[in-house]
Amino acid sequence: MTRSLRHITIGFALYGAFTLSLTTLASVGLLVAGTFQTEPMSLFWGLASVVSIVGFMACLPPFIAAYGLHYQRPWARVAALIASGLMMHDLPIGFALGLYALLTLCSEEGVEALKHKPVAALA
């Protein structure tokens, strides 16, 4: 694995962990805020559930791409390109990491490093 692909793998894993921790923090904050309200708590439980589900779904593509890149799976390049596109809305870190990943994965070095190599048949 080249140095730039290793950087992308680490960046995707850290980005996914950061997204997951922010989601957890927001969900817990909504639940704690709901305990101090006189209104029904179902509204805060509902908001916390939506934030948890959306945040968990947002952190999955970087984790999947990091796994694929680390173990050099044949689908890793496609997963990383999708994760890069999805994370570019998050300024400035997501955009910078997504742009770096797109430029690296679309370069000749990135294509060659992740080219599918067929496994020799066992005789």
PDB file of N, CA and C in Angstrom:
ATOM      1  N   MET A   1       0.855  -1.176   0.000  1.00  0.00           N
ATOM      2  CA  MET A   1       0.000   0.000   0.000  1.00  0.00           C
ATOM      3  C   MET A   1       0.899   1.237   0.000  1.00  0.00           C
ATOM      4  N   THR A   2       0.552   2.180  -0.836  1.00  0.00           N
ATOM      5  CA  THR A   2       1.357   3.387  -0.935  1.00  0.00           C
ATOM      6  C   THR A   2       1.100   4.289   0.268  1.00  0.00           C
ATOM      7  N   ARG A   3       1.967   5.238   0.430  1.00  0.00           N
ATOM      8  CA  ARG A   3       1.868   6.150   1.563  1.00  0.00           C
ATOM      9  C   ARG A   3       0.581   6.988   1.507  1.00  0.00           C
ATOM     10  N   SER A   4       0.209   7.473   0.326  1.00  0.00           N
ATOM     11  CA  SER A   4      -0.985   8.301   0.218  1.00  0.00           C
ATOM     12  C   SER A   4      -2.252   7.492   0.495  1.00  0.00           C
ATOM     13  N   LEU A   5      -2.291   6.220   0.075  1.00  0.00           N
ATOM     14  CA  LEU A   5      -3.447   5.378   0.389  1.00  0.00           C
ATOM     15  C   LEU A   5      -3.523   5.074   1.883  1.00  0.00           C
ATOM     16  N   ARG A   6      -2.384   4.944   2.521  1.00  0.00           N
ATOM     17  CA  ARG A   6      -2.372   4.750   3.977  1.00  0.00           C
ATOM     18  C   ARG A   6      -2.914   5.992   4.681  1.00  0.00           C
ATOM     19  N   HIS A   7      -2.566   7.173   4.178  1.00  0.00           N
ATOM     20  CA  HIS A   7      -3.098   8.415   4.751  1.00  0.00           C
ATOM     21  C   HIS A   7      -4.611   8.485   4.604  1.00  0.00           C
ATOM     22  N   ILE A   8      -5.104   8.096   3.438  1.00  0.00           N
ATOM     23  CA  ILE A   8      -6.548   8.119   3.210  1.00  0.00           C
ATOM     24  C   ILE A   8      -7.246   7.126   4.134  1.00  0.00           C
ATOM     25  N   THR A   9      -6.676   5.948   4.311  1.00  0.00           N
ATOM     26  CA  THR A   9      -7.266   4.943   5.192  1.00  0.00           C
ATOM     27  C   THR A   9      -7.374   5.467   6.617  1.00  0.00           C
ATOM     28  N   ILE A  10      -6.312   6.050   7.115  1.00  0.00           N
ATOM     29  CA  ILE A  10      -6.317   6.598   8.476  1.00  0.00           C
ATOM     30  C   ILE A  10      -7.295   7.766   8.567  1.00  0.00           C
ATOM     31  N   GLY A  11      -7.313   8.618   7.546  1.00  0.00           N
ATOM     32  CA  GLY A  11      -8.231   9.752   7.552  1.00  0.00           C
ATOM     33  C   GLY A  11      -9.686   9.323   7.552  1.00  0.00           C
ATOM     34  N   PHE A  12     -10.026   8.302   6.761  1.00  0.00           N
ATOM     35  CA  PHE A  12     -11.404   7.808   6.742  1.00  0.00           C
ATOM     36  C   PHE A  12     -11.795   7.218   8.096  1.00  0.00           C
ATOM     37  N   ALA A  13     -10.892   6.460   8.699  1.00  0.00           N
ATOM     38  CA  ALA A  13     -11.199   5.864  10.004  1.00  0.00           C
ATOM     39  C   ALA A  13     -11.393   6.948  11.068  1.00  0.00           C
ATOM     40  N   LEU A  14     -10.531   7.954  11.071  1.00  0.00           N
ATOM     41  CA  LEU A  14     -10.670   9.040  12.042  1.00  0.00           C
ATOM     42  C   LEU A  14     -11.919   9.876  11.794  1.00  0.00           C
ATOM     43  N   TYR A  15     -12.243  10.113  10.537  1.00  0.00           N
ATOM     44  CA  TYR A  15     -13.439  10.868  10.197  1.00  0.00           C
ATOM     45  C   TYR A  15     -14.695  10.118  10.642  1.00  0.00           C
ATOM     46  N   GLY A  16     -14.728   8.806  10.416  1.00  0.00           N
ATOM     47  CA  GLY A  16     -15.861   8.002  10.863  1.00  0.00           C
ATOM     48  C   GLY A  16     -15.995   7.995  12.371  1.00  0.00           C
ATOM     49  N   ALA A  17     -14.874   7.891  13.082  1.00  0.00           N
ATOM     50  CA  ALA A  17     -14.916   7.909  14.546  1.00  0.00           C
ATOM     51  C   ALA A  17     -15.369   9.273  15.062  1.00  0.00           C
ATOM     52  N   PHE A  18     -14.911  10.340  14.427  1.00  0.00           N
ATOM     53  CA  PHE A  18     -15.316  11.686  14.826  1.00  0.00           C
ATOM     54  C   PHE A  18     -16.812  11.898  14.600  1.00  0.00           C
ATOM     55  N   THR A  19     -17.324  11.441  13.458  1.00  0.00           N
ATOM     56  CA  THR A  19     -18.750  11.558  13.166  1.00  0.00           C
ATOM     57  C   THR A  19     -19.580  10.760  14.161  1.00  0.00           C
ATOM     58  N   LEU A  20     -19.122   9.562  14.495  1.00  0.00           N
ATOM     59  CA  LEU A  20     -19.844   8.732  15.454  1.00  0.00           C
ATOM     60  C   LEU A  20     -19.850   9.353  16.842  1.00  0.00           C
ATOM     61  N   SER A  21     -18.723   9.937  17.257  1.00  0.00           N
ATOM     62  CA  SER A  21     -18.678  10.567  18.581  1.00  0.00           C
ATOM     63  C   SER A  21     -19.550  11.812  18.638  1.00  0.00           C
ATOM     64  N   LEU A  22     -19.583  12.610  17.570  1.00  0.00           N
ATOM     65  CA  LEU A  22     -20.462  13.779  17.562  1.00  0.00           C
ATOM     66  C   LEU A  22     -21.934  13.380  17.578  1.00  0.00           C
ATOM     67  N   THR A  23     -22.262  12.323  16.872  1.00  0.00           N
ATOM     68  CA  THR A  23     -23.635  11.822  16.870  1.00  0.00           C
ATOM     69  C   THR A  23     -24.050  11.358  18.262  1.00  0.00           C
ATOM     70  N   THR A  24     -23.171  10.633  18.920  1.00  0.00           N
ATOM     71  CA  THR A  24     -23.460  10.172  20.271  1.00  0.00           C
ATOM     72  C   THR A  24     -23.622  11.348  21.222  1.00  0.00           C
ATOM     73  N   LEU A  25     -22.758  12.324  21.104  1.00  0.00           N
ATOM     74  CA  LEU A  25     -22.840  13.511  21.965  1.00  0.00           C
ATOM     75  C   LEU A  25     -24.141  14.275  21.733  1.00  0.00           C
ATOM     76  N   ALA A  26     -24.548  14.436  20.483  1.00  0.00           N
ATOM     77  CA  ALA A  26     -25.788  15.148  20.181  1.00  0.00           C
ATOM     78  C   ALA A  26     -27.002  14.378  20.696  1.00  0.00           C
ATOM     79  N   SER A  27     -27.001  13.067  20.548  1.00  0.00           N
ATOM     80  CA  SER A  27     -28.130  12.257  21.019  1.00  0.00           C
ATOM     81  C   SER A  27     -28.251  12.308  22.536  1.00  0.00           C
ATOM     82  N   VAL A  28     -27.130  12.188  23.231  1.00  0.00           N
ATOM     83  CA  VAL A  28     -27.155  12.266  24.692  1.00  0.00           C
ATOM     84  C   VAL A  28     -27.582  13.660  25.142  1.00  0.00           C
ATOM     85  N   GLY A  29     -27.109  14.685  24.431  1.00  0.00           N
ATOM     86  CA  GLY A  29     -27.514  16.052  24.768  1.00  0.00           C
ATOM     87  C   GLY A  29     -29.009  16.260  24.614  1.00  0.00           C
ATOM     88  N   LEU A  30     -29.599  15.702  23.562  1.00  0.00           N
ATOM     89  CA  LEU A  30     -31.048  15.804  23.386  1.00  0.00           C
ATOM     90  C   LEU A  30     -31.800  15.062  24.481  1.00  0.00           C
ATOM     91  N   LEU A  31     -31.302  13.907  24.865  1.00  0.00           N
ATOM     92  CA  LEU A  31     -31.966  13.153  25.930  1.00  0.00           C
ATOM     93  C   LEU A  31     -31.864  13.864  27.270  1.00  0.00           C
ATOM     94  N   VAL A  32     -30.710  14.452  27.555  1.00  0.00           N
ATOM     95  CA  VAL A  32     -30.542  15.195  28.811  1.00  0.00           C
ATOM     96  C   VAL A  32     -31.410  16.444  28.796  1.00  0.00           C
ATOM     97  N   ALA A  33     -31.458  17.136  27.667  1.00  0.00           N
ATOM     98  CA  ALA A  33     -32.303  18.331  27.581  1.00  0.00           C
ATOM     99  C   ALA A  33     -33.777  17.978  27.741  1.00  0.00           C
ATOM    100  N   GLY A  34     -34.165  16.809  27.301  1.00  0.00           N
ATOM    101  CA  GLY A  34     -35.541  16.386  27.424  1.00  0.00           C
ATOM    102  C   GLY A  34     -35.969  16.104  28.847  1.00  0.00           C
ATOM    103  N   THR A  35     -35.017  15.794  29.711  1.00  0.00           N
ATOM    104  CA  THR A  35     -35.380  15.509  31.100  1.00  0.00           C
ATOM    105  C   THR A  35     -35.757  16.770  31.859  1.00  0.00           C
ATOM    106  N   PHE A  36     -35.329  17.934  31.395  1.00  0.00           N
ATOM    107  CA  PHE A  36     -35.621  19.186  32.086  1.00  0.00           C
ATOM    108  C   PHE A  36     -36.847  19.900  31.530  1.00  0.00           C
ATOM    109  N   GLN A  37     -37.531  19.301  30.598  1.00  0.00           N
ATOM    110  CA  GLN A  37     -38.700  19.917  29.981  1.00  0.00           C
ATOM    111  C   GLN A  37     -39.974  19.398  30.632  1.00  0.00           C
ATOM    112  N   THR A  38     -40.988  20.244  30.649  1.00  0.00           N
ATOM    113  CA  THR A  38     -42.284  19.817  31.175  1.00  0.00           C
ATOM    114  C   THR A  38     -43.145  19.195  30.086  1.00  0.00           C
ATOM    115  N   GLU A  39     -42.762  19.382  28.831  1.00  0.00           N
ATOM    116  CA  GLU A  39     -43.494  18.791  27.721  1.00  0.00           C
ATOM    117  C   GLU A  39     -43.251  17.287  27.702  1.00  0.00           C
ATOM    118  N   PRO A  40     -44.039  16.573  26.927  1.00  0.00           N
ATOM    119  CA  PRO A  40     -43.801  15.128  26.827  1.00  0.00           C
ATOM    120  C   PRO A  40     -42.403  14.832  26.283  1.00  0.00           C
ATOM    121  N   MET A  41     -41.774  13.839  26.851  1.00  0.00           N
ATOM    122  CA  MET A  41     -40.414  13.502  26.443  1.00  0.00           C
ATOM    123  C   MET A  41     -40.362  12.788  25.108  1.00  0.00           C
ATOM    124  N   SER A  42     -41.515  12.394  24.588  1.00  0.00           N
ATOM    125  CA  SER A  42     -41.489  11.650  23.329  1.00  0.00           C
ATOM    126  C   SER A  42     -40.882  12.474  22.195  1.00  0.00           C
ATOM    127  N   LEU A  43     -41.043  13.799  22.251  1.00  0.00           N
ATOM    128  CA  LEU A  43     -40.448  14.652  21.227  1.00  0.00           C
ATOM    129  C   LEU A  43     -38.926  14.563  21.270  1.00  0.00           C
ATOM    130  N   PHE A  44     -38.350  14.631  22.455  1.00  0.00           N
ATOM    131  CA  PHE A  44     -36.888  14.572  22.577  1.00  0.00           C
ATOM    132  C   PHE A  44     -36.362  13.171  22.282  1.00  0.00           C
ATOM    133  N   TRP A  45     -37.122  12.137  22.670  1.00  0.00           N
ATOM    134  CA  TRP A  45     -36.713  10.775  22.335  1.00  0.00           C
ATOM    135  C   TRP A  45     -36.743  10.578  20.826  1.00  0.00           C
ATOM    136  N   GLY A  46     -37.758  11.137  20.174  1.00  0.00           N
ATOM    137  CA  GLY A  46     -37.850  11.038  18.718  1.00  0.00           C
ATOM    138  C   GLY A  46     -36.706  11.751  18.023  1.00  0.00           C
ATOM    139  N   LEU A  47     -36.396  12.975  18.490  1.00  0.00           N
ATOM    140  CA  LEU A  47     -35.272  13.714  17.903  1.00  0.00           C
ATOM    141  C   LEU A  47     -33.953  12.991  18.125  1.00  0.00           C
ATOM    142  N   ALA A  48     -33.766  12.455  19.326  1.00  0.00           N
ATOM    143  CA  ALA A  48     -32.529  11.731  19.626  1.00  0.00           C
ATOM    144  C   ALA A  48     -32.418  10.485  18.750  1.00  0.00           C
ATOM    145  N   SER A  49     -33.541   9.827  18.493  1.00  0.00           N
ATOM    146  CA  SER A  49     -33.524   8.637  17.633  1.00  0.00           C
ATOM    147  C   SER A  49     -33.159   8.999  16.199  1.00  0.00           C
ATOM    148  N   VAL A  50     -33.745  10.068  15.689  1.00  0.00           N
ATOM    149  CA  VAL A  50     -33.455  10.494  14.315  1.00  0.00           C
ATOM    150  C   VAL A  50     -31.986  10.899  14.182  1.00  0.00           C
ATOM    151  N   VAL A  51     -31.481  11.667  15.142  1.00  0.00           N
ATOM    152  CA  VAL A  51     -30.081  12.097  15.102  1.00  0.00           C
ATOM    153  C   VAL A  51     -29.154  10.884  15.169  1.00  0.00           C
ATOM    154  N   SER A  52     -29.496   9.913  15.992  1.00  0.00           N
ATOM    155  CA  SER A  52     -28.667   8.710  16.109  1.00  0.00           C
ATOM    156  C   SER A  52     -28.643   7.917  14.815  1.00  0.00           C
ATOM    157  N   ILE A  53     -29.796   7.723  14.215  1.00  0.00           N
ATOM    158  CA  ILE A  53     -29.871   6.922  12.990  1.00  0.00           C
ATOM    159  C   ILE A  53     -29.151   7.612  11.835  1.00  0.00           C
ATOM    160  N   VAL A  54     -29.395   8.913  11.661  1.00  0.00           N
ATOM    161  CA  VAL A  54     -28.751   9.654  10.568  1.00  0.00           C
ATOM    162  C   VAL A  54     -27.236   9.717  10.780  1.00  0.00           C
ATOM    163  N   GLY A  55     -26.820   9.973  12.003  1.00  0.00           N
ATOM    164  CA  GLY A  55     -25.382  10.035  12.288  1.00  0.00           C
ATOM    165  C   GLY A  55     -24.691   8.701  12.095  1.00  0.00           C
ATOM    166  N   PHE A  56     -25.353   7.623  12.505  1.00  0.00           N
ATOM    167  CA  PHE A  56     -24.763   6.299  12.318  1.00  0.00           C
ATOM    168  C   PHE A  56     -24.637   5.973  10.835  1.00  0.00           C
ATOM    169  N   MET A  57     -25.647   6.324  10.053  1.00  0.00           N
ATOM    170  CA  MET A  57     -25.585   6.081   8.610  1.00  0.00           C
ATOM    171  C   MET A  57     -24.521   6.948   7.944  1.00  0.00           C
ATOM    172  N   ALA A  58     -24.252   8.139   8.494  1.00  0.00           N
ATOM    173  CA  ALA A  58     -23.232   9.018   7.922  1.00  0.00           C
ATOM    174  C   ALA A  58     -21.820   8.520   8.216  1.00  0.00           C
ATOM    175  N   CYS A  59     -21.640   7.787   9.309  1.00  0.00           N
ATOM    176  CA  CYS A  59     -20.287   7.321   9.638  1.00  0.00           C
ATOM    177  C   CYS A  59     -19.974   5.960   9.018  1.00  0.00           C
ATOM    178  N   LEU A  60     -20.953   5.281   8.445  1.00  0.00           N
ATOM    179  CA  LEU A  60     -20.689   3.974   7.840  1.00  0.00           C
ATOM    180  C   LEU A  60     -19.812   4.018   6.579  1.00  0.00           C
ATOM    181  N   PRO A  61     -20.074   4.907   5.596  1.00  0.00           N
ATOM    182  CA  PRO A  61     -19.231   4.880   4.381  1.00  0.00           C
ATOM    183  C   PRO A  61     -17.734   5.076   4.639  1.00  0.00           C
ATOM    184  N   PRO A  62     -17.314   6.014   5.510  1.00  0.00           N
ATOM    185  CA  PRO A  62     -15.867   6.109   5.754  1.00  0.00           C
ATOM    186  C   PRO A  62     -15.284   4.870   6.424  1.00  0.00           C
ATOM    187  N   PHE A  63     -16.043   4.246   7.346  1.00  0.00           N
ATOM    188  CA  PHE A  63     -15.552   3.025   7.986  1.00  0.00           C
ATOM    189  C   PHE A  63     -15.430   1.882   6.979  1.00  0.00           C
ATOM    190  N   ILE A  64     -16.417   1.739   6.103  1.00  0.00           N
ATOM    191  CA  ILE A  64     -16.378   0.684   5.091  1.00  0.00           C
ATOM    192  C   ILE A  64     -15.217   0.914   4.126  1.00  0.00           C
ATOM    193  N   ALA A  65     -15.024   2.166   3.715  1.00  0.00           N
ATOM    194  CA  ALA A  65     -13.915   2.484   2.805  1.00  0.00           C
ATOM    195  C   ALA A  65     -12.562   2.246   3.476  1.00  0.00           C
ATOM    196  N   ALA A  66     -12.440   2.611   4.742  1.00  0.00           N
ATOM    197  CA  ALA A  66     -11.180   2.400   5.457  1.00  0.00           C
ATOM    198  C   ALA A  66     -10.876   0.908   5.580  1.00  0.00           C
ATOM    199  N   TYR A  67     -11.890   0.116   5.863  1.00  0.00           N
ATOM    200  CA  TYR A  67     -11.698  -1.340   5.943  1.00  0.00           C
ATOM    201  C   TYR A  67     -11.234  -1.894   4.597  1.00  0.00           C
ATOM    202  N   GLY A  68     -11.920  -1.505   3.535  1.00  0.00           N
ATOM    203  CA  GLY A  68     -11.564  -2.003   2.214  1.00  0.00           C
ATOM    204  C   GLY A  68     -10.173  -1.579   1.771  1.00  0.00           C
ATOM    205  N   LEU A  69      -9.809  -0.329   2.064  1.00  0.00           N
ATOM    206  CA  LEU A  69      -8.472   0.144   1.690  1.00  0.00           C
ATOM    207  C   LEU A  69      -7.385  -0.552   2.506  1.00  0.00           C
ATOM    208  N   HIS A  70      -7.660  -0.769   3.780  1.00  0.00           N
ATOM    209  CA  HIS A  70      -6.658  -1.407   4.642  1.00  0.00           C
ATOM    210  C   HIS A  70      -6.359  -2.831   4.181  1.00  0.00           C
ATOM    211  N   TYR A  71      -7.401  -3.576   3.849  1.00  0.00           N
ATOM    212  CA  TYR A  71      -7.216  -4.953   3.421  1.00  0.00           C
ATOM    213  C   TYR A  71      -7.132  -5.102   1.903  1.00  0.00           C
ATOM    214  N   GLN A  72      -7.079  -3.994   1.179  1.00  0.00           N
ATOM    215  CA  GLN A  72      -6.923  -3.938  -0.273  1.00  0.00           C
ATOM    216  C   GLN A  72      -7.926  -4.842  -0.991  1.00  0.00           C
ATOM    217  N   ARG A  73      -9.184  -4.647  -0.658  1.00  0.00           N
ATOM    218  CA  ARG A  73     -10.270  -5.389  -1.308  1.00  0.00           C
ATOM    219  C   ARG A  73     -10.506  -4.823  -2.705  1.00  0.00           C
ATOM    220  N   PRO A  74     -11.038  -5.623  -3.629  1.00  0.00           N
ATOM    221  CA  PRO A  74     -11.254  -5.127  -4.991  1.00  0.00           C
ATOM    222  C   PRO A  74     -12.282  -4.003  -5.076  1.00  0.00           C
ATOM    223  N   TRP A  75     -13.216  -3.934  -4.144  1.00  0.00           N
ATOM    224  CA  TRP A  75     -14.250  -2.903  -4.148  1.00  0.00           C
ATOM    225  C   TRP A  75     -13.835  -1.653  -3.375  1.00  0.00           C
ATOM    226  N   ALA A  76     -12.632  -1.608  -2.852  1.00  0.00           N
ATOM    227  CA  ALA A  76     -12.204  -0.516  -1.976  1.00  0.00           C
ATOM    228  C   ALA A  76     -12.162   0.831  -2.693  1.00  0.00           C
ATOM    229  N   ARG A  77     -11.736   0.847  -3.925  1.00  0.00           N
ATOM    230  CA  ARG A  77     -11.635   2.119  -4.653  1.00  0.00           C
ATOM    231  C   ARG A  77     -13.009   2.734  -4.864  1.00  0.00           C
ATOM    232  N   VAL A  78     -13.984   1.922  -5.241  1.00  0.00           N
ATOM    233  CA  VAL A  78     -15.340   2.430  -5.450  1.00  0.00           C
ATOM    234  C   VAL A  78     -15.933   2.921  -4.129  1.00  0.00           C
ATOM    235  N   ALA A  79     -15.750   2.158  -3.060  1.00  0.00           N
ATOM    236  CA  ALA A  79     -16.266   2.568  -1.749  1.00  0.00           C
ATOM    237  C   ALA A  79     -15.608   3.864  -1.281  1.00  0.00           C
ATOM    238  N   ALA A  80     -14.311   4.004  -1.526  1.00  0.00           N
ATOM    239  CA  ALA A  80     -13.613   5.222  -1.118  1.00  0.00           C
ATOM    240  C   ALA A  80     -14.063   6.427  -1.943  1.00  0.00           C
ATOM    241  N   LEU A  81     -14.322   6.224  -3.226  1.00  0.00           N
ATOM    242  CA  LEU A  81     -14.821   7.322  -4.056  1.00  0.00           C
ATOM    243  C   LEU A  81     -16.210   7.772  -3.591  1.00  0.00           C
ATOM    244  N   ILE A  82     -17.071   6.831  -3.250  1.00  0.00           N
ATOM    245  CA  ILE A  82     -18.400   7.172  -2.744  1.00  0.00           C
ATOM    246  C   ILE A  82     -18.289   7.895  -1.404  1.00  0.00           C
ATOM    247  N   ALA A  83     -17.460   7.381  -0.500  1.00  0.00           N
ATOM    248  CA  ALA A  83     -17.283   8.017   0.807  1.00  0.00           C
ATOM    249  C   ALA A  83     -16.689   9.420   0.652  1.00  0.00           C
ATOM    250  N   SER A  84     -15.772   9.586  -0.286  1.00  0.00           N
ATOM    251  CA  SER A  84     -15.180  10.905  -0.523  1.00  0.00           C
ATOM    252  C   SER A  84     -16.228  11.905  -0.979  1.00  0.00           C
ATOM    253  N   GLY A  85     -17.070  11.480  -1.898  1.00  0.00           N
ATOM    254  CA  GLY A  85     -18.128  12.369  -2.373  1.00  0.00           C
ATOM    255  C   GLY A  85     -19.124  12.730  -1.286  1.00  0.00           C
ATOM    256  N   LEU A  86     -19.448  11.768  -0.432  1.00  0.00           N
ATOM    257  CA  LEU A  86     -20.422  12.028   0.631  1.00  0.00           C
ATOM    258  C   LEU A  86     -19.872  12.925   1.737  1.00  0.00           C
ATOM    259  N   MET A  87     -18.582  12.862   1.974  1.00  0.00           N
ATOM    260  CA  MET A  87     -18.030  13.640   3.087  1.00  0.00           C
ATOM    261  C   MET A  87     -17.597  15.044   2.678  1.00  0.00           C
ATOM    262  N   MET A  88     -17.689  15.388   1.404  1.00  0.00           N
ATOM    263  CA  MET A  88     -17.236  16.708   0.959  1.00  0.00           C
ATOM    264  C   MET A  88     -18.159  17.846   1.390  1.00  0.00           C
ATOM    265  N   HIS A  89     -19.347  17.542   1.891  1.00  0.00           N
ATOM    266  CA  HIS A  89     -20.248  18.607   2.364  1.00  0.00           C
ATOM    267  C   HIS A  89     -19.830  19.141   3.724  1.00  0.00           C
ATOM    268  N   ASP A  90     -18.974  18.412   4.410  1.00  0.00           N
ATOM    269  CA  ASP A  90     -18.570  18.771   5.764  1.00  0.00           C
ATOM    270  C   ASP A  90     -17.304  19.638   5.705  1.00  0.00           C
ATOM    271  N   LEU A  91     -17.507  20.950   5.791  1.00  0.00           N
ATOM    272  CA  LEU A  91     -16.381  21.886   5.703  1.00  0.00           C
ATOM    273  C   LEU A  91     -15.712  22.041   7.050  1.00  0.00           C
ATOM    274  N   PRO A  92     -14.451  22.265   7.138  1.00  0.00           N
ATOM    275  CA  PRO A  92     -13.391  22.193   6.139  1.00  0.00           C
ATOM    276  C   PRO A  92     -12.718  20.827   6.093  1.00  0.00           C
ATOM    277  N   ILE A  93     -12.822  20.031   7.175  1.00  0.00           N
ATOM    278  CA  ILE A  93     -12.072  18.773   7.251  1.00  0.00           C
ATOM    279  C   ILE A  93     -12.578  17.752   6.242  1.00  0.00           C
ATOM    280  N   GLY A  94     -13.878  17.554   6.183  1.00  0.00           N
ATOM    281  CA  GLY A  94     -14.442  16.578   5.248  1.00  0.00           C
ATOM    282  C   GLY A  94     -14.145  16.939   3.809  1.00  0.00           C
ATOM    283  N   PHE A  95     -14.216  18.220   3.491  1.00  0.00           N
ATOM    284  CA  PHE A  95     -13.929  18.656   2.124  1.00  0.00           C
ATOM    285  C   PHE A  95     -12.468  18.408   1.771  1.00  0.00           C
ATOM    286  N   ALA A  96     -11.572  18.757   2.678  1.00  0.00           N
ATOM    287  CA  ALA A  96     -10.140  18.579   2.408  1.00  0.00           C
ATOM    288  C   ALA A  96      -9.793  17.096   2.257  1.00  0.00           C
ATOM    289  N   LEU A  97     -10.303  16.264   3.168  1.00  0.00           N
ATOM    290  CA  LEU A  97     -10.018  14.832   3.087  1.00  0.00           C
ATOM    291  C   LEU A  97     -10.666  14.209   1.854  1.00  0.00           C
ATOM    292  N   GLY A  98     -11.890  14.621   1.554  1.00  0.00           N
ATOM    293  CA  GLY A  98     -12.568  14.097   0.372  1.00  0.00           C
ATOM    294  C   GLY A  98     -11.865  14.484  -0.918  1.00  0.00           C
ATOM    295  N   LEU A  99     -11.419  15.723  -1.004  1.00  0.00           N
ATOM    296  CA  LEU A  99     -10.714  16.174  -2.201  1.00  0.00           C
ATOM    297  C   LEU A  99      -9.381  15.446  -2.362  1.00  0.00           C
ATOM    298  N   TYR A 100      -8.637  15.303  -1.275  1.00  0.00           N
ATOM    299  CA  TYR A 100      -7.363  14.585  -1.305  1.00  0.00           C
ATOM    300  C   TYR A 100      -7.582  13.133  -1.728  1.00  0.00           C
ATOM    301  N   ALA A 101      -8.620  12.508  -1.187  1.00  0.00           N
ATOM    302  CA  ALA A 101      -8.909  11.117  -1.541  1.00  0.00           C
ATOM    303  C   ALA A 101      -9.314  11.000  -3.003  1.00  0.00           C
ATOM    304  N   LEU A 102     -10.147  11.914  -3.488  1.00  0.00           N
ATOM    305  CA  LEU A 102     -10.552  11.867  -4.896  1.00  0.00           C
ATOM    306  C   LEU A 102      -9.358  12.035  -5.825  1.00  0.00           C
ATOM    307  N   LEU A 103      -8.498  13.001  -5.521  1.00  0.00           N
ATOM    308  CA  LEU A 103      -7.328  13.229  -6.373  1.00  0.00           C
ATOM    309  C   LEU A 103      -6.375  12.045  -6.344  1.00  0.00           C
ATOM    310  N   THR A 104      -6.207  11.441  -5.168  1.00  0.00           N
ATOM    311  CA  THR A 104      -5.295  10.302  -5.053  1.00  0.00           C
ATOM    312  C   THR A 104      -5.862   9.060  -5.720  1.00  0.00           C
ATOM    313  N   LEU A 105      -7.145   8.795  -5.493  1.00  0.00           N
ATOM    314  CA  LEU A 105      -7.746   7.583  -6.048  1.00  0.00           C
ATOM    315  C   LEU A 105      -7.917   7.644  -7.559  1.00  0.00           C
ATOM    316  N   CYS A 106      -8.036   8.853  -8.117  1.00  0.00           N
ATOM    317  CA  CYS A 106      -8.190   8.997  -9.565  1.00  0.00           C
ATOM    318  C   CYS A 106      -6.856   9.141 -10.290  1.00  0.00           C
ATOM    319  N   SER A 107      -5.774   9.242  -9.535  1.00  0.00           N
ATOM    320  CA  SER A 107      -4.460   9.330 -10.172  1.00  0.00           C
ATOM    321  C   SER A 107      -4.039   7.940 -10.660  1.00  0.00           C
ATOM    322  N   GLU A 108      -3.021   7.906 -11.503  1.00  0.00           N
ATOM    323  CA  GLU A 108      -2.533   6.625 -12.015  1.00  0.00           C
ATOM    324  C   GLU A 108      -2.001   5.748 -10.888  1.00  0.00           C
ATOM    325  N   GLU A 109      -1.355   6.376  -9.907  1.00  0.00           N
ATOM    326  CA  GLU A 109      -0.813   5.625  -8.772  1.00  0.00           C
ATOM    327  C   GLU A 109      -1.927   4.938  -7.983  1.00  0.00           C
ATOM    328  N   GLY A 110      -3.016   5.660  -7.749  1.00  0.00           N
ATOM    329  CA  GLY A 110      -4.134   5.088  -7.002  1.00  0.00           C
ATOM    330  C   GLY A 110      -4.843   3.982  -7.755  1.00  0.00           C
ATOM    331  N   VAL A 111      -5.014   4.170  -9.045  1.00  0.00           N
ATOM    332  CA  VAL A 111      -5.661   3.136  -9.859  1.00  0.00           C
ATOM    333  C   VAL A 111      -4.805   1.881  -9.889  1.00  0.00           C
ATOM    334  N   GLU A 112      -3.507   2.059 -10.064  1.00  0.00           N
ATOM    335  CA  GLU A 112      -2.604   0.907 -10.146  1.00  0.00           C
ATOM    336  C   GLU A 112      -2.504   0.178  -8.802  1.00  0.00           C
ATOM    337  N   ALA A 113      -2.491   0.925  -7.693  1.00  0.00           N
ATOM    338  CA  ALA A 113      -2.352   0.300  -6.379  1.00  0.00           C
ATOM    339  C   ALA A 113      -3.574  -0.524  -6.001  1.00  0.00           C
ATOM    340  N   LEU A 114      -4.746  -0.113  -6.467  1.00  0.00           N
ATOM    341  CA  LEU A 114      -5.971  -0.822  -6.096  1.00  0.00           C
ATOM    342  C   LEU A 114      -6.542  -1.656  -7.233  1.00  0.00           C
ATOM    343  N   LYS A 115      -5.740  -1.893  -8.261  1.00  0.00           N
ATOM    344  CA  LYS A 115      -6.203  -2.722  -9.376  1.00  0.00           C
ATOM    345  C   LYS A 115      -6.416  -4.142  -8.868  1.00  0.00           C
ATOM    346  N   HIS A 116      -7.522  -4.739  -9.295  1.00  0.00           N
ATOM    347  CA  HIS A 116      -7.850  -6.100  -8.863  1.00  0.00           C
ATOM    348  C   HIS A 116      -6.847  -7.081  -9.446  1.00  0.00           C
ATOM    349  N   LYS A 117      -6.205  -7.826  -8.575  1.00  0.00           N
ATOM    350  CA  LYS A 117      -5.245  -8.832  -9.011  1.00  0.00           C
ATOM    351  C   LYS A 117      -5.872 -10.206  -8.817  1.00  0.00           C
ATOM    352  N   PRO A 118      -6.102 -10.939  -9.890  1.00  0.00           N
ATOM    353  CA  PRO A 118      -6.749 -12.252  -9.740  1.00  0.00           C
ATOM    354  C   PRO A 118      -5.866 -13.215  -8.961  1.00  0.00           C
ATOM    355  N   VAL A 119      -6.507 -14.041  -8.179  1.00  0.00           N
ATOM    356  CA  VAL A 119      -5.799 -15.026  -7.378  1.00  0.00           C
ATOM    357  C   VAL A 119      -5.575 -16.263  -8.233  1.00  0.00           C
ATOM    358  N   ALA A 120      -4.373 -16.798  -8.174  1.00  0.00           N
ATOM    359  CA  ALA A 120      -4.062 -17.994  -8.951  1.00  0.00           C
ATOM    360  C   ALA A 120      -4.868 -19.173  -8.420  1.00  0.00           C
ATOM    361  N   ALA A 121      -5.364 -19.984  -9.321  1.00  0.00           N
ATOM    362  CA  ALA A 121      -6.163 -21.141  -8.931  1.00  0.00           C
ATOM    363  C   ALA A 121      -5.267 -22.189  -8.249  1.00  0.00           C
ATOM    364  N   LEU A 122      -5.844 -22.800  -7.231  1.00  0.00           N
ATOM    365  CA  LEU A 122      -5.106 -23.845  -6.539  1.00  0.00           C
ATOM    366  C   LEU A 122      -5.111 -25.117  -7.377  1.00  0.00           C
ATOM    367  N   ALA A 123      -3.977 -25.754  -7.504  1.00  0.00           N
ATOM    368  CA  ALA A 123      -3.901 -26.959  -8.338  1.00  0.00           C
ATOM    369  C   ALA A 123      -4.041 -28.198  -7.507  1.00  0.00           C
TER     370      ALA A 123
END
